[in-house]
C-alpha atoms as a PDB file:
ATOM      1  CA  UNK A   1    -105.510 -35.614-171.336  1.00  0.00           C
ATOM      2  CA  UNK A   2    -106.637 -32.443-170.455  1.00  0.00           C
ATOM      3  CA  UNK A   3    -103.500 -29.868-170.354  1.00  0.00           C
ATOM      4  CA  UNK A   4    -104.414 -25.809-167.860  1.00  0.00           C
ATOM      5  CA  UNK A   5    -103.746 -23.508-171.057  1.00  0.00           C
ATOM      6  CA  UNK A   6    -100.072 -22.310-171.546  1.00  0.00           C
ATOM      7  CA  UNK A   7     -99.031 -23.888-168.189  1.00  0.00           C
ATOM      8  CA  UNK A   8     -96.721 -26.855-170.013  1.00  0.00           C
ATOM      9  CA  UNK A   9     -93.824 -26.044-168.400  1.00  0.00           C
ATOM     10  CA  UNK A  10     -95.243 -27.254-165.050  1.00  0.00           C
ATOM     11  CA  UNK A  11     -95.735 -30.695-165.632  1.00  0.00           C
ATOM     12  CA  UNK A  12     -93.898 -32.684-163.639  1.00  0.00           C
ATOM     13  CA  UNK A  13     -95.470 -36.153-164.524  1.00  0.00           C
ATOM     14  CA  UNK A  14     -98.823 -38.530-165.438  1.00  0.00           C
ATOM     15  CA  UNK A  15    -100.730 -40.669-162.742  1.00  0.00           C
ATOM     16  CA  UNK A  16    -103.385 -43.460-164.129  1.00  0.00           C
ATOM     17  CA  UNK A  17    -106.189 -43.250-162.419  1.00  0.00           C
ATOM     18  CA  UNK A  18    -110.256 -45.175-161.741  1.00  0.00           C
ATOM     19  CA  UNK A  19    -112.666 -43.519-162.864  1.00  0.00           C
ATOM     20  CA  UNK A  20    -115.423 -45.970-161.928  1.00  0.00           C
ATOM     21  CA  UNK A  21    -115.047 -49.045-164.349  1.00  0.00           C
ATOM     22  CA  UNK A  22    -112.977 -46.320-167.018  1.00  0.00           C
ATOM     23  CA  UNK A  23    -108.579 -46.128-166.079  1.00  0.00           C
ATOM     24  CA  UNK A  24    -107.577 -42.507-168.044  1.00  0.00           C
ATOM     25  CA  UNK A  25    -104.665 -40.878-167.367  1.00  0.00           C
ATOM     26  CA  UNK A  26    -104.335 -37.243-165.652  1.00  0.00           C
ATOM     27  CA  UNK A  27    -101.673 -34.680-165.998  1.00  0.00           C
ATOM     28  CA  UNK A  28     -99.569 -33.230-163.105  1.00  0.00           C
ATOM     29  CA  UNK A  29     -98.500 -29.829-162.490  1.00  0.00           C
ATOM     30  CA  UNK A  30     -96.559 -28.921-159.860  1.00  0.00           C
ATOM     31  CA  UNK A  31     -97.753 -25.775-157.469  1.00  0.00           C
ATOM     32  CA  UNK A  32     -94.732 -23.882-157.326  1.00  0.00           C
ATOM     33  CA  UNK A  33     -93.941 -24.078-160.550  1.00  0.00           C
ATOM     34  CA  UNK A  34     -97.199 -23.055-161.827  1.00  0.00           C
ATOM     35  CA  UNK A  35     -97.098 -20.394-159.138  1.00  0.00           C
ATOM     36  CA  UNK A  36     -93.637 -19.643-161.317  1.00  0.00           C
ATOM     37  CA  UNK A  37     -94.793 -19.253-164.675  1.00  0.00           C
ATOM     38  CA  UNK A  38     -97.279 -17.159-163.051  1.00  0.00           C
ATOM     39  CA  UNK A  39     -95.563 -14.546-161.044  1.00  0.00           C
ATOM     40  CA  UNK A  40     -92.954 -14.793-163.820  1.00  0.00           C
ATOM     41  CA  UNK A  41     -94.852 -15.064-167.287  1.00  0.00           C
ATOM     42  CA  UNK A  42     -97.723 -12.514-166.226  1.00  0.00           C
ATOM     43  CA  UNK A  43     -96.276 -10.629-163.884  1.00  0.00           C
ATOM     44  CA  UNK A  44     -98.282 -11.512-161.092  1.00  0.00           C
ATOM     45  CA  UNK A  45     -97.116 -11.111-157.213  1.00  0.00           C
ATOM     46  CA  UNK A  46     -97.178 -14.111-155.841  1.00  0.00           C
ATOM     47  CA  UNK A  47    -100.730 -13.419-153.472  1.00  0.00           C
ATOM     48  CA  UNK A  48    -101.934 -12.599-156.780  1.00  0.00           C
ATOM     49  CA  UNK A  49    -100.357 -16.071-157.854  1.00  0.00           C
ATOM     50  CA  UNK A  50    -101.603 -17.900-155.214  1.00  0.00           C
ATOM     51  CA  UNK A  51    -105.121 -16.355-156.041  1.00  0.00           C
ATOM     52  CA  UNK A  52    -104.905 -17.590-158.831  1.00  0.00           C
ATOM     53  CA  UNK A  53    -103.969 -20.765-158.813  1.00  0.00           C
ATOM     54  CA  UNK A  54    -106.751 -21.465-155.897  1.00  0.00           C
ATOM     55  CA  UNK A  55    -109.461 -20.132-158.373  1.00  0.00           C
ATOM     56  CA  UNK A  56    -108.774 -21.318-161.962  1.00  0.00           C
ATOM     57  CA  UNK A  57    -107.131 -25.049-160.580  1.00  0.00           C
ATOM     58  CA  UNK A  58    -107.695 -26.046-157.669  1.00  0.00           C
ATOM     59  CA  UNK A  59    -111.687 -24.711-157.455  1.00  0.00           C
ATOM     60  CA  UNK A  60    -112.071 -25.872-161.236  1.00  0.00           C
ATOM     61  CA  UNK A  61    -113.612 -29.859-162.247  1.00  0.00           C
ATOM     62  CA  UNK A  62    -113.206 -29.925-165.844  1.00  0.00           C
ATOM     63  CA  UNK A  63    -114.017 -33.717-165.961  1.00  0.00           C
ATOM     64  CA  UNK A  64    -113.233 -36.977-164.680  1.00  0.00           C
ATOM     65  CA  UNK A  65    -109.051 -37.180-165.881  1.00  0.00           C
ATOM     66  CA  UNK A  66    -108.821 -32.859-164.187  1.00  0.00           C
ATOM     67  CA  UNK A  67    -105.193 -32.936-164.374  1.00  0.00           C
ATOM     68  CA  UNK A  68    -103.769 -32.803-160.640  1.00  0.00           C
ATOM     69  CA  UNK A  69    -101.582 -29.649-158.462  1.00  0.00           C
ATOM     70  CA  UNK A  70     -98.513 -31.071-156.475  1.00  0.00           C
ATOM     71  CA  UNK A  71     -97.327 -29.112-153.343  1.00  0.00           C
ATOM     72  CA  UNK A  72     -94.559 -30.563-151.461  1.00  0.00           C
ATOM     73  CA  UNK A  73     -95.146 -32.235-148.134  1.00  0.00           C
ATOM     74  CA  UNK A  74     -93.881 -28.885-145.818  1.00  0.00           C
ATOM     75  CA  UNK A  75     -96.298 -26.920-148.248  1.00  0.00           C
ATOM     76  CA  UNK A  76     -99.084 -28.458-146.804  1.00  0.00           C
END
């Protein structure tokens, strides 16, 4: 399973997915926890952290087992 670098504390679970005929496990990260890590650990503002997530996590594809980012329904 692929992981986002230095964001282990934001992992909230895993999911099973199918890619063609291959079943694979992918990690699920809490979007809110990722933002919290970036703000607390890296000293980013909320806006900087959101921009980082938008570009470097939500906008990244690192293969069929790219980790998932979960946001609460009220944030959609």
